[in-house]
Amino acid sequence: MEMIYATVVGLGIATVLRYLIPGRHSYGILLLPAIGAAWTAVAWTALTWVGWKPDEPWIWVISLGGSGVIAIVLALVLNRARRGIDAQRLHHLSGGRTSRA
């Protein structure tokens, strides 16, 4: 049962981070929450298989903290990659005649 709570909290953390990190127009609205929830569920499952108990604080820290870290890194990487790809595509489609107005 704790895994469900942890997964929902991981989803919530990633959702909040989606709106705190600039450049959210670069990726879909559900991408970060889905990745956050998936990380939390996978980390929680792996740590319980290793033998960690739900009442230990480190299983919560690793599962939920990892959700936040992965959401931040993914948002920054996607934003940077999208800007580069968009600039390259605009250059290609305009035949090299892009001007900023």
PDB file of N, CA and C in Angstrom:
ATOM      1  N   MET A   1       0.809  -1.185   0.000  1.00  0.00           N
ATOM      2  CA  MET A   1       0.000   0.000   0.000  1.00  0.00           C
ATOM      3  C   MET A   1       0.861   1.262   0.000  1.00  0.00           C
ATOM      4  N   GLU A   2       1.987   1.199   0.667  1.00  0.00           N
ATOM      5  CA  GLU A   2       2.864   2.369   0.709  1.00  0.00           C
ATOM      6  C   GLU A   2       3.414   2.705  -0.670  1.00  0.00           C
ATOM      7  N   MET A   3       3.549   1.687  -1.520  1.00  0.00           N
ATOM      8  CA  MET A   3       4.049   1.934  -2.874  1.00  0.00           C
ATOM      9  C   MET A   3       3.087   2.835  -3.643  1.00  0.00           C
ATOM     10  N   ILE A   4       1.797   2.672  -3.449  1.00  0.00           N
ATOM     11  CA  ILE A   4       0.822   3.526  -4.119  1.00  0.00           C
ATOM     12  C   ILE A   4       0.962   4.957  -3.623  1.00  0.00           C
ATOM     13  N   TYR A   5       1.102   5.131  -2.323  1.00  0.00           N
ATOM     14  CA  TYR A   5       1.282   6.478  -1.768  1.00  0.00           C
ATOM     15  C   TYR A   5       2.546   7.124  -2.322  1.00  0.00           C
ATOM     16  N   ALA A   6       3.619   6.355  -2.328  1.00  0.00           N
ATOM     17  CA  ALA A   6       4.889   6.891  -2.817  1.00  0.00           C
ATOM     18  C   ALA A   6       4.796   7.263  -4.293  1.00  0.00           C
ATOM     19  N   THR A   7       4.142   6.443  -5.089  1.00  0.00           N
ATOM     20  CA  THR A   7       4.014   6.720  -6.521  1.00  0.00           C
ATOM     21  C   THR A   7       3.196   7.978  -6.771  1.00  0.00           C
ATOM     22  N   VAL A   8       2.127   8.161  -6.018  1.00  0.00           N
ATOM     23  CA  VAL A   8       1.304   9.366  -6.173  1.00  0.00           C
ATOM     24  C   VAL A   8       2.079  10.605  -5.736  1.00  0.00           C
ATOM     25  N   VAL A   9       2.840  10.503  -4.668  1.00  0.00           N
ATOM     26  CA  VAL A   9       3.645  11.642  -4.219  1.00  0.00           C
ATOM     27  C   VAL A   9       4.747  11.945  -5.234  1.00  0.00           C
ATOM     28  N   GLY A  10       5.385  10.917  -5.795  1.00  0.00           N
ATOM     29  CA  GLY A  10       6.394  11.129  -6.837  1.00  0.00           C
ATOM     30  C   GLY A  10       5.808  11.799  -8.058  1.00  0.00           C
ATOM     31  N   LEU A  11       4.600  11.413  -8.429  1.00  0.00           N
ATOM     32  CA  LEU A  11       3.897  12.059  -9.533  1.00  0.00           C
ATOM     33  C   LEU A  11       3.623  13.524  -9.200  1.00  0.00           C
ATOM     34  N   GLY A  12       3.221  13.793  -7.986  1.00  0.00           N
ATOM     35  CA  GLY A  12       2.955  15.171  -7.566  1.00  0.00           C
ATOM     36  C   GLY A  12       4.208  16.035  -7.556  1.00  0.00           C
ATOM     37  N   ILE A  13       5.309  15.479  -7.107  1.00  0.00           N
ATOM     38  CA  ILE A  13       6.573  16.218  -7.107  1.00  0.00           C
ATOM     39  C   ILE A  13       6.960  16.595  -8.527  1.00  0.00           C
ATOM     40  N   ALA A  14       6.891  15.640  -9.437  1.00  0.00           N
ATOM     41  CA  ALA A  14       7.253  15.919 -10.826  1.00  0.00           C
ATOM     42  C   ALA A  14       6.287  16.907 -11.471  1.00  0.00           C
ATOM     43  N   THR A  15       5.017  16.856 -11.088  1.00  0.00           N
ATOM     44  CA  THR A  15       4.039  17.801 -11.629  1.00  0.00           C
ATOM     45  C   THR A  15       4.346  19.216 -11.168  1.00  0.00           C
ATOM     46  N   VAL A  16       4.666  19.385  -9.910  1.00  0.00           N
ATOM     47  CA  VAL A  16       5.013  20.710  -9.391  1.00  0.00           C
ATOM     48  C   VAL A  16       6.280  21.230 -10.069  1.00  0.00           C
ATOM     49  N   LEU A  17       7.258  20.362 -10.243  1.00  0.00           N
ATOM     50  CA  LEU A  17       8.505  20.780 -10.893  1.00  0.00           C
ATOM     51  C   LEU A  17       8.284  21.174 -12.345  1.00  0.00           C
ATOM     52  N   ARG A  18       7.309  20.571 -12.994  1.00  0.00           N
ATOM     53  CA  ARG A  18       6.997  20.940 -14.376  1.00  0.00           C
ATOM     54  C   ARG A  18       6.647  22.413 -14.478  1.00  0.00           C
ATOM     55  N   TYR A  19       5.964  22.931 -13.477  1.00  0.00           N
ATOM     56  CA  TYR A  19       5.541  24.328 -13.517  1.00  0.00           C
ATOM     57  C   TYR A  19       6.565  25.278 -12.901  1.00  0.00           C
ATOM     58  N   LEU A  20       7.554  24.764 -12.221  1.00  0.00           N
ATOM     59  CA  LEU A  20       8.596  25.616 -11.641  1.00  0.00           C
ATOM     60  C   LEU A  20       9.799  25.798 -12.556  1.00  0.00           C
ATOM     61  N   ILE A  21      10.025  24.855 -13.450  1.00  0.00           N
ATOM     62  CA  ILE A  21      11.184  24.905 -14.334  1.00  0.00           C
ATOM     63  C   ILE A  21      10.785  25.595 -15.634  1.00  0.00           C
ATOM     64  N   PRO A  22      11.519  26.603 -16.057  1.00  0.00           N
ATOM     65  CA  PRO A  22      11.162  27.287 -17.310  1.00  0.00           C
ATOM     66  C   PRO A  22      11.347  26.375 -18.523  1.00  0.00           C
ATOM     67  N   GLY A  23      10.607  26.670 -19.587  1.00  0.00           N
ATOM     68  CA  GLY A  23      10.727  25.918 -20.821  1.00  0.00           C
ATOM     69  C   GLY A  23       9.758  24.763 -20.931  1.00  0.00           C
ATOM     70  N   ARG A  24       8.654  24.823 -20.195  1.00  0.00           N
ATOM     71  CA  ARG A  24       7.726  23.693 -20.206  1.00  0.00           C
ATOM     72  C   ARG A  24       6.983  23.539 -21.523  1.00  0.00           C
ATOM     73  N   HIS A  25       7.106  24.512 -22.409  1.00  0.00           N
ATOM     74  CA  HIS A  25       6.505  24.397 -23.736  1.00  0.00           C
ATOM     75  C   HIS A  25       7.267  23.412 -24.628  1.00  0.00           C
ATOM     76  N   SER A  26       8.411  22.944 -24.160  1.00  0.00           N
ATOM     77  CA  SER A  26       9.261  22.062 -24.961  1.00  0.00           C
ATOM     78  C   SER A  26       8.870  20.595 -24.898  1.00  0.00           C
ATOM     79  N   TYR A  27       7.982  20.241 -24.009  1.00  0.00           N
ATOM     80  CA  TYR A  27       7.595  18.841 -23.858  1.00  0.00           C
ATOM     81  C   TYR A  27       6.140  18.777 -23.421  1.00  0.00           C
ATOM     82  N   GLY A  28       5.565  17.612 -23.489  1.00  0.00           N
ATOM     83  CA  GLY A  28       4.155  17.421 -23.196  1.00  0.00           C
ATOM     84  C   GLY A  28       3.812  17.616 -21.726  1.00  0.00           C
ATOM     85  N   ILE A  29       2.541  17.846 -21.483  1.00  0.00           N
ATOM     86  CA  ILE A  29       2.079  18.151 -20.136  1.00  0.00           C
ATOM     87  C   ILE A  29       2.211  16.956 -19.180  1.00  0.00           C
ATOM     88  N   LEU A  30       2.147  15.752 -19.694  1.00  0.00           N
ATOM     89  CA  LEU A  30       2.177  14.570 -18.839  1.00  0.00           C
ATOM     90  C   LEU A  30       3.534  13.865 -18.795  1.00  0.00           C
ATOM     91  N   LEU A  31       4.511  14.367 -19.525  1.00  0.00           N
ATOM     92  CA  LEU A  31       5.789  13.661 -19.595  1.00  0.00           C
ATOM     93  C   LEU A  31       6.493  13.616 -18.240  1.00  0.00           C
ATOM     94  N   LEU A  32       6.714  14.754 -17.623  1.00  0.00           N
ATOM     95  CA  LEU A  32       7.421  14.757 -16.339  1.00  0.00           C
ATOM     96  C   LEU A  32       6.652  14.011 -15.248  1.00  0.00           C
ATOM     97  N   PRO A  33       5.331  14.223 -15.098  1.00  0.00           N
ATOM     98  CA  PRO A  33       4.630  13.431 -14.082  1.00  0.00           C
ATOM     99  C   PRO A  33       4.701  11.922 -14.335  1.00  0.00           C
ATOM    100  N   ALA A  34       4.619  11.513 -15.587  1.00  0.00           N
ATOM    101  CA  ALA A  34       4.694  10.080 -15.891  1.00  0.00           C
ATOM    102  C   ALA A  34       6.074   9.520 -15.560  1.00  0.00           C
ATOM    103  N   ILE A  35       7.118  10.254 -15.908  1.00  0.00           N
ATOM    104  CA  ILE A  35       8.478   9.802 -15.592  1.00  0.00           C
ATOM    105  C   ILE A  35       8.699   9.779 -14.088  1.00  0.00           C
ATOM    106  N   GLY A  36       8.199  10.789 -13.388  1.00  0.00           N
ATOM    107  CA  GLY A  36       8.336  10.819 -11.934  1.00  0.00           C
ATOM    108  C   GLY A  36       7.635   9.651 -11.262  1.00  0.00           C
ATOM    109  N   ALA A  37       6.421   9.355 -11.710  1.00  0.00           N
ATOM    110  CA  ALA A  37       5.681   8.229 -11.140  1.00  0.00           C
ATOM    111  C   ALA A  37       6.359   6.903 -11.478  1.00  0.00           C
ATOM    112  N   ALA A  38       6.823   6.774 -12.704  1.00  0.00           N
ATOM    113  CA  ALA A  38       7.495   5.534 -13.101  1.00  0.00           C
ATOM    114  C   ALA A  38       8.771   5.315 -12.299  1.00  0.00           C
ATOM    115  N   TRP A  39       9.581   6.364 -12.142  1.00  0.00           N
ATOM    116  CA  TRP A  39      10.808   6.232 -11.357  1.00  0.00           C
ATOM    117  C   TRP A  39      10.479   5.816  -9.928  1.00  0.00           C
ATOM    118  N   THR A  40       9.505   6.457  -9.327  1.00  0.00           N
ATOM    119  CA  THR A  40       9.166   6.151  -7.943  1.00  0.00           C
ATOM    120  C   THR A  40       8.724   4.694  -7.799  1.00  0.00           C
ATOM    121  N   ALA A  41       7.884   4.240  -8.709  1.00  0.00           N
ATOM    122  CA  ALA A  41       7.400   2.858  -8.622  1.00  0.00           C
ATOM    123  C   ALA A  41       8.532   1.853  -8.824  1.00  0.00           C
ATOM    124  N   VAL A  42       9.382   2.111  -9.810  1.00  0.00           N
ATOM    125  CA  VAL A  42      10.488   1.187 -10.084  1.00  0.00           C
ATOM    126  C   VAL A  42      11.496   1.192  -8.932  1.00  0.00           C
ATOM    127  N   ALA A  43      11.846   2.371  -8.434  1.00  0.00           N
ATOM    128  CA  ALA A  43      12.803   2.452  -7.329  1.00  0.00           C
ATOM    129  C   ALA A  43      12.240   1.789  -6.077  1.00  0.00           C
ATOM    130  N   TRP A  44      10.978   2.053  -5.786  1.00  0.00           N
ATOM    131  CA  TRP A  44      10.348   1.453  -4.604  1.00  0.00           C
ATOM    132  C   TRP A  44      10.349  -0.071  -4.709  1.00  0.00           C
ATOM    133  N   THR A  45       9.974  -0.579  -5.870  1.00  0.00           N
ATOM    134  CA  THR A  45       9.941  -2.026  -6.067  1.00  0.00           C
ATOM    135  C   THR A  45      11.332  -2.635  -5.926  1.00  0.00           C
ATOM    136  N   ALA A  46      12.320  -2.010  -6.549  1.00  0.00           N
ATOM    137  CA  ALA A  46      13.687  -2.529  -6.471  1.00  0.00           C
ATOM    138  C   ALA A  46      14.201  -2.518  -5.034  1.00  0.00           C
ATOM    139  N   LEU A  47      13.923  -1.455  -4.317  1.00  0.00           N
ATOM    140  CA  LEU A  47      14.419  -1.364  -2.940  1.00  0.00           C
ATOM    141  C   LEU A  47      13.701  -2.345  -2.014  1.00  0.00           C
ATOM    142  N   THR A  48      12.437  -2.619  -2.263  1.00  0.00           N
ATOM    143  CA  THR A  48      11.760  -3.631  -1.438  1.00  0.00           C
ATOM    144  C   THR A  48      12.253  -5.030  -1.772  1.00  0.00           C
ATOM    145  N   TRP A  49      12.591  -5.275  -3.036  1.00  0.00           N
ATOM    146  CA  TRP A  49      13.167  -6.568  -3.391  1.00  0.00           C
ATOM    147  C   TRP A  49      14.517  -6.776  -2.722  1.00  0.00           C
ATOM    148  N   VAL A  50      15.257  -5.702  -2.553  1.00  0.00           N
ATOM    149  CA  VAL A  50      16.561  -5.788  -1.889  1.00  0.00           C
ATOM    150  C   VAL A  50      16.388  -6.071  -0.397  1.00  0.00           C
ATOM    151  N   GLY A  51      15.226  -5.718   0.137  1.00  0.00           N
ATOM    152  CA  GLY A  51      14.970  -6.021   1.538  1.00  0.00           C
ATOM    153  C   GLY A  51      14.697  -4.811   2.402  1.00  0.00           C
ATOM    154  N   TRP A  52      14.601  -3.634   1.805  1.00  0.00           N
ATOM    155  CA  TRP A  52      14.294  -2.446   2.585  1.00  0.00           C
ATOM    156  C   TRP A  52      12.826  -2.449   2.966  1.00  0.00           C
ATOM    157  N   LYS A  53      12.543  -1.976   4.142  1.00  0.00           N
ATOM    158  CA  LYS A  53      11.178  -1.934   4.653  1.00  0.00           C
ATOM    159  C   LYS A  53      10.569  -0.547   4.426  1.00  0.00           C
ATOM    160  N   PRO A  54       9.250  -0.482   4.255  1.00  0.00           N
ATOM    161  CA  PRO A  54       8.590   0.813   4.024  1.00  0.00           C
ATOM    162  C   PRO A  54       8.699   1.794   5.187  1.00  0.00           C
ATOM    163  N   ASP A  55       9.013   1.316   6.385  1.00  0.00           N
ATOM    164  CA  ASP A  55       9.128   2.232   7.514  1.00  0.00           C
ATOM    165  C   ASP A  55      10.534   2.819   7.650  1.00  0.00           C
ATOM    166  N   GLU A  56      11.450   2.446   6.760  1.00  0.00           N
ATOM    167  CA  GLU A  56      12.788   3.031   6.748  1.00  0.00           C
ATOM    168  C   GLU A  56      12.758   4.336   5.951  1.00  0.00           C
ATOM    169  N   PRO A  57      13.377   5.381   6.439  1.00  0.00           N
ATOM    170  CA  PRO A  57      13.296   6.673   5.743  1.00  0.00           C
ATOM    171  C   PRO A  57      14.042   6.704   4.412  1.00  0.00           C
ATOM    172  N   TRP A  58      15.082   5.895   4.249  1.00  0.00           N
ATOM    173  CA  TRP A  58      15.885   5.988   3.021  1.00  0.00           C
ATOM    174  C   TRP A  58      15.148   5.491   1.785  1.00  0.00           C
ATOM    175  N   ILE A  59      14.217   4.578   1.944  1.00  0.00           N
ATOM    176  CA  ILE A  59      13.443   4.131   0.792  1.00  0.00           C
ATOM    177  C   ILE A  59      12.579   5.282   0.269  1.00  0.00           C
ATOM    178  N   TRP A  60      12.084   6.108   1.184  1.00  0.00           N
ATOM    179  CA  TRP A  60      11.286   7.279   0.793  1.00  0.00           C
ATOM    180  C   TRP A  60      12.171   8.343   0.164  1.00  0.00           C
ATOM    181  N   VAL A  61      13.325   8.572   0.762  1.00  0.00           N
ATOM    182  CA  VAL A  61      14.238   9.614   0.252  1.00  0.00           C
ATOM    183  C   VAL A  61      14.711   9.265  -1.160  1.00  0.00           C
ATOM    184  N   ILE A  62      15.118   8.032  -1.370  1.00  0.00           N
ATOM    185  CA  ILE A  62      15.633   7.631  -2.683  1.00  0.00           C
ATOM    186  C   ILE A  62      14.512   7.621  -3.724  1.00  0.00           C
ATOM    187  N   SER A  63      13.363   7.083  -3.367  1.00  0.00           N
ATOM    188  CA  SER A  63      12.259   7.011  -4.327  1.00  0.00           C
ATOM    189  C   SER A  63      11.745   8.398  -4.702  1.00  0.00           C
ATOM    190  N   LEU A  64      11.447   9.212  -3.714  1.00  0.00           N
ATOM    191  CA  LEU A  64      10.862  10.529  -3.977  1.00  0.00           C
ATOM    192  C   LEU A  64      11.910  11.552  -4.409  1.00  0.00           C
ATOM    193  N   GLY A  65      13.086  11.486  -3.814  1.00  0.00           N
ATOM    194  CA  GLY A  65      14.159  12.396  -4.223  1.00  0.00           C
ATOM    195  C   GLY A  65      14.612  12.116  -5.646  1.00  0.00           C
ATOM    196  N   GLY A  66      14.686  10.847  -5.999  1.00  0.00           N
ATOM    197  CA  GLY A  66      15.043  10.490  -7.368  1.00  0.00           C
ATOM    198  C   GLY A  66      14.019  10.969  -8.365  1.00  0.00           C
ATOM    199  N   SER A  67      12.763  10.939  -7.981  1.00  0.00           N
ATOM    200  CA  SER A  67      11.694  11.446  -8.843  1.00  0.00           C
ATOM    201  C   SER A  67      11.911  12.921  -9.152  1.00  0.00           C
ATOM    202  N   GLY A  68      12.249  13.698  -8.139  1.00  0.00           N
ATOM    203  CA  GLY A  68      12.503  15.124  -8.345  1.00  0.00           C
ATOM    204  C   GLY A  68      13.744  15.384  -9.169  1.00  0.00           C
ATOM    205  N   VAL A  69      14.800  14.664  -8.884  1.00  0.00           N
ATOM    206  CA  VAL A  69      16.056  14.858  -9.620  1.00  0.00           C
ATOM    207  C   VAL A  69      15.883  14.494 -11.089  1.00  0.00           C
ATOM    208  N   ILE A  70      15.241  13.380 -11.356  1.00  0.00           N
ATOM    209  CA  ILE A  70      15.040  12.958 -12.739  1.00  0.00           C
ATOM    210  C   ILE A  70      14.139  13.944 -13.479  1.00  0.00           C
ATOM    211  N   ALA A  71      13.114  14.458 -12.819  1.00  0.00           N
ATOM    212  CA  ALA A  71      12.229  15.428 -13.459  1.00  0.00           C
ATOM    213  C   ALA A  71      12.986  16.701 -13.815  1.00  0.00           C
ATOM    214  N   ILE A  72      13.843  17.175 -12.929  1.00  0.00           N
ATOM    215  CA  ILE A  72      14.624  18.394 -13.194  1.00  0.00           C
ATOM    216  C   ILE A  72      15.588  18.170 -14.355  1.00  0.00           C
ATOM    217  N   VAL A  73      16.333  17.089 -14.305  1.00  0.00           N
ATOM    218  CA  VAL A  73      17.315  16.812 -15.356  1.00  0.00           C
ATOM    219  C   VAL A  73      16.624  16.639 -16.704  1.00  0.00           C
ATOM    220  N   LEU A  74      15.543  15.883 -16.738  1.00  0.00           N
ATOM    221  CA  LEU A  74      14.824  15.652 -17.985  1.00  0.00           C
ATOM    222  C   LEU A  74      14.264  16.955 -18.548  1.00  0.00           C
ATOM    223  N   ALA A  75      13.702  17.804 -17.696  1.00  0.00           N
ATOM    224  CA  ALA A  75      13.151  19.077 -18.169  1.00  0.00           C
ATOM    225  C   ALA A  75      14.240  19.961 -18.763  1.00  0.00           C
ATOM    226  N   LEU A  76      15.384  20.038 -18.118  1.00  0.00           N
ATOM    227  CA  LEU A  76      16.469  20.878 -18.626  1.00  0.00           C
ATOM    228  C   LEU A  76      17.054  20.330 -19.919  1.00  0.00           C
ATOM    229  N   VAL A  77      17.235  19.025 -19.990  1.00  0.00           N
ATOM    230  CA  VAL A  77      17.797  18.416 -21.198  1.00  0.00           C
ATOM    231  C   VAL A  77      16.831  18.557 -22.376  1.00  0.00           C
ATOM    232  N   LEU A  78      15.558  18.298 -22.149  1.00  0.00           N
ATOM    233  CA  LEU A  78      14.583  18.409 -23.226  1.00  0.00           C
ATOM    234  C   LEU A  78      14.446  19.840 -23.729  1.00  0.00           C
ATOM    235  N   ASN A  79      14.477  20.800 -22.817  1.00  0.00           N
ATOM    236  CA  ASN A  79      14.372  22.201 -23.213  1.00  0.00           C
ATOM    237  C   ASN A  79      15.555  22.608 -24.090  1.00  0.00           C
ATOM    238  N   ARG A  80      16.732  22.236 -23.675  1.00  0.00           N
ATOM    239  CA  ARG A  80      17.930  22.592 -24.441  1.00  0.00           C
ATOM    240  C   ARG A  80      17.946  21.892 -25.802  1.00  0.00           C
ATOM    241  N   ALA A  81      17.613  20.615 -25.813  1.00  0.00           N
ATOM    242  CA  ALA A  81      17.608  19.869 -27.074  1.00  0.00           C
ATOM    243  C   ALA A  81      16.538  20.401 -28.019  1.00  0.00           C
ATOM    244  N   ARG A  82      15.396  20.740 -27.493  1.00  0.00           N
ATOM    245  CA  ARG A  82      14.308  21.229 -28.338  1.00  0.00           C
ATOM    246  C   ARG A  82      14.662  22.563 -28.983  1.00  0.00           C
ATOM    247  N   ARG A  83      15.309  23.457 -28.229  1.00  0.00           N
ATOM    248  CA  ARG A  83      15.723  24.740 -28.811  1.00  0.00           C
ATOM    249  C   ARG A  83      16.686  24.531 -29.970  1.00  0.00           C
ATOM    250  N   GLY A  84      17.647  23.635 -29.797  1.00  0.00           N
ATOM    251  CA  GLY A  84      18.610  23.362 -30.857  1.00  0.00           C
ATOM    252  C   GLY A  84      17.970  22.730 -32.078  1.00  0.00           C
ATOM    253  N   ILE A  85      17.096  21.770 -31.851  1.00  0.00           N
ATOM    254  CA  ILE A  85      16.425  21.103 -32.962  1.00  0.00           C
ATOM    255  C   ILE A  85      15.504  22.068 -33.698  1.00  0.00           C
ATOM    256  N   ASP A  86      14.788  22.902 -32.944  1.00  0.00           N
ATOM    257  CA  ASP A  86      13.898  23.873 -33.587  1.00  0.00           C
ATOM    258  C   ASP A  86      14.678  24.879 -34.430  1.00  0.00           C
ATOM    259  N   ALA A  87      15.806  25.353 -33.933  1.00  0.00           N
ATOM    260  CA  ALA A  87      16.628  26.299 -34.694  1.00  0.00           C
ATOM    261  C   ALA A  87      17.176  25.645 -35.956  1.00  0.00           C
ATOM    262  N   GLN A  88      17.614  24.425 -35.840  1.00  0.00           N
ATOM    263  CA  GLN A  88      18.134  23.699 -36.998  1.00  0.00           C
ATOM    264  C   GLN A  88      17.033  23.457 -38.026  1.00  0.00           C
ATOM    265  N   ARG A  89      15.858  23.082 -37.574  1.00  0.00           N
ATOM    266  CA  ARG A  89      14.740  22.829 -38.488  1.00  0.00           C
ATOM    267  C   ARG A  89      14.303  24.125 -39.184  1.00  0.00           C
ATOM    268  N   LEU A  90      14.262  25.242 -38.453  1.00  0.00           N
ATOM    269  CA  LEU A  90      13.890  26.516 -39.054  1.00  0.00           C
ATOM    270  C   LEU A  90      14.901  26.929 -40.119  1.00  0.00           C
ATOM    271  N   HIS A  91      16.158  26.733 -39.819  1.00  0.00           N
ATOM    272  CA  HIS A  91      17.213  27.060 -40.786  1.00  0.00           C
ATOM    273  C   HIS A  91      17.049  26.209 -42.049  1.00  0.00           C
ATOM    274  N   HIS A  92      16.778  24.933 -41.859  1.00  0.00           N
ATOM    275  CA  HIS A  92      16.620  24.024 -42.998  1.00  0.00           C
ATOM    276  C   HIS A  92      15.378  24.376 -43.828  1.00  0.00           C
ATOM    277  N   LEU A  93      14.266  24.613 -43.163  1.00  0.00           N
ATOM    278  CA  LEU A  93      13.024  24.882 -43.880  1.00  0.00           C
ATOM    279  C   LEU A  93      13.012  26.244 -44.569  1.00  0.00           C
ATOM    280  N   SER A  94      13.750  27.203 -44.019  1.00  0.00           N
ATOM    281  CA  SER A  94      13.762  28.532 -44.626  1.00  0.00           C
ATOM    282  C   SER A  94      14.868  28.660 -45.661  1.00  0.00           C
ATOM    283  N   GLY A  95      15.629  27.629 -45.869  1.00  0.00           N
ATOM    284  CA  GLY A  95      16.715  27.692 -46.831  1.00  0.00           C
ATOM    285  C   GLY A  95      17.853  28.577 -46.372  1.00  0.00           C
ATOM    286  N   GLY A  96      17.989  28.749 -45.086  1.00  0.00           N
ATOM    287  CA  GLY A  96      19.066  29.582 -44.543  1.00  0.00           C
ATOM    288  C   GLY A  96      18.739  31.051 -44.519  1.00  0.00           C
ATOM    289  N   ARG A  97      17.505  31.431 -44.782  1.00  0.00           N
ATOM    290  CA  ARG A  97      17.132  32.835 -44.829  1.00  0.00           C
ATOM    291  C   ARG A  97      16.266  33.205 -43.633  1.00  0.00           C
ATOM    292  N   THR A  98      16.683  32.894 -42.477  1.00  0.00           N
ATOM    293  CA  THR A  98      15.901  33.246 -41.294  1.00  0.00           C
ATOM    294  C   THR A  98      16.294  34.631 -40.811  1.00  0.00           C
ATOM    295  N   SER A  99      15.319  35.374 -40.415  1.00  0.00           N
ATOM    296  CA  SER A  99      15.582  36.685 -39.839  1.00  0.00           C
ATOM    297  C   SER A  99      14.676  36.843 -38.619  1.00  0.00           C
ATOM    298  N   ARG A 100      15.167  37.511 -37.642  1.00  0.00           N
ATOM    299  CA  ARG A 100      14.390  37.729 -36.421  1.00  0.00           C
ATOM    300  C   ARG A 100      13.711  39.079 -36.518  1.00  0.00           C
ATOM    301  N   ALA A 101      12.425  39.105 -36.340  1.00  0.00           N
ATOM    302  CA  ALA A 101      11.688  40.355 -36.404  1.00  0.00           C
ATOM    303  C   ALA A 101      11.200  40.755 -35.047  1.00  0.00           C
TER     304      ALA A 101
END
